[in-house]
């Protein structure tokens, strides 16, 4: 894998069963964007990284809905 780029990532997630309602939240933050040897982004690996961040920092039950890279 080539060097990871640091860019802004925006994502929306939900926490099922939080206060008896479905809660949706959106966050924008800088993250390392995984790339392959040719410099193309790897969206599947980025989803795994965001999901791991959500489980460690927000809630274990958090579910990623969508994400996008902001230039």
Protein backbone atom coordinates (compact mmCIF):
# COMPACT_ATOMS: atom_id res chain seq x y z
CA UNK A 1 0.00 0.00 0.00
CA UNK A 2 1.15 3.51 -0.77
CA UNK A 3 1.20 6.35 1.71
CA UNK A 4 -2.15 7.34 3.12
CA UNK A 5 -3.42 10.85 2.44
CA UNK A 6 -4.93 12.98 5.19
CA UNK A 7 -8.19 14.53 4.01
CA UNK A 8 -11.55 15.61 5.41
CA UNK A 9 -14.14 12.86 5.60
CA UNK A 10 -17.84 13.43 6.22
CA UNK A 11 -19.99 10.55 7.40
CA UNK A 12 -23.42 9.84 8.81
CA UNK A 13 -24.12 7.13 11.35
CA UNK A 14 -26.94 5.87 13.50
CA UNK A 15 -27.16 4.42 16.98
CA UNK A 16 -30.03 1.91 17.10
CA UNK A 17 -32.07 1.79 20.29
CA UNK A 18 -30.52 4.94 21.73
CA UNK A 19 -33.09 6.46 24.13
CA UNK A 20 -35.81 4.24 22.58
CA UNK A 21 -35.48 6.06 19.24
CA UNK A 22 -33.28 5.77 16.19
CA UNK A 23 -30.67 8.54 16.40
CA UNK A 24 -28.85 9.83 13.30
CA UNK A 25 -25.72 11.93 13.58
CA UNK A 26 -23.31 13.42 11.08
CA UNK A 27 -19.63 14.23 11.60
CA UNK A 28 -16.82 15.81 9.61
CA UNK A 29 -13.23 15.13 10.58
CA UNK A 30 -9.75 14.67 9.16
CA UNK A 31 -8.72 11.06 8.64
CA UNK A 32 -6.07 9.09 6.83
CA UNK A 33 -7.44 7.95 3.48
CA UNK A 34 -6.05 4.51 2.54
CA UNK A 35 -4.76 4.30 -1.03
CA UNK A 36 -3.38 1.55 -3.24
CA UNK A 37 0.00 1.53 -4.98
CA UNK A 38 -1.33 3.77 -7.77
CA UNK A 39 -2.83 6.43 -5.48
CA UNK A 40 -6.48 5.42 -5.84
CA UNK A 41 -8.58 5.53 -2.68
CA UNK A 42 -9.89 2.31 -1.14
CA UNK A 43 -13.50 3.03 -0.06
CA UNK A 44 -13.99 -0.39 1.56
CA UNK A 45 -10.96 0.04 3.80
CA UNK A 46 -12.07 3.61 4.62
CA UNK A 47 -15.48 2.25 5.72
CA UNK A 48 -13.73 -0.24 8.00
CA UNK A 49 -11.59 2.54 9.52
CA UNK A 50 -14.63 4.77 10.16
CA UNK A 51 -16.60 1.87 11.67
CA UNK A 52 -13.68 1.05 13.96
CA UNK A 53 -13.43 4.71 15.02
CA UNK A 54 -17.18 4.80 15.76
CA UNK A 55 -16.97 1.67 17.92
CA UNK A 56 -13.99 2.99 19.88
CA UNK A 57 -15.10 6.61 20.33
CA UNK A 58 -18.91 6.79 20.03
CA UNK A 59 -20.78 3.57 20.75
CA UNK A 60 -20.27 -0.12 20.02
CA UNK A 61 -23.73 -0.26 18.42
CA UNK A 62 -23.06 2.62 15.99
CA UNK A 63 -23.74 1.79 12.33
CA UNK A 64 -22.16 3.68 9.42
CA UNK A 65 -24.75 4.81 6.86
CA UNK A 66 -22.63 6.69 4.30
CA UNK A 67 -19.33 8.51 3.93
CA UNK A 68 -17.66 10.86 1.46
CA UNK A 69 -14.30 12.52 1.05
CA UNK A 70 -14.31 16.33 0.99
CA UNK A 71 -11.50 18.05 -0.89
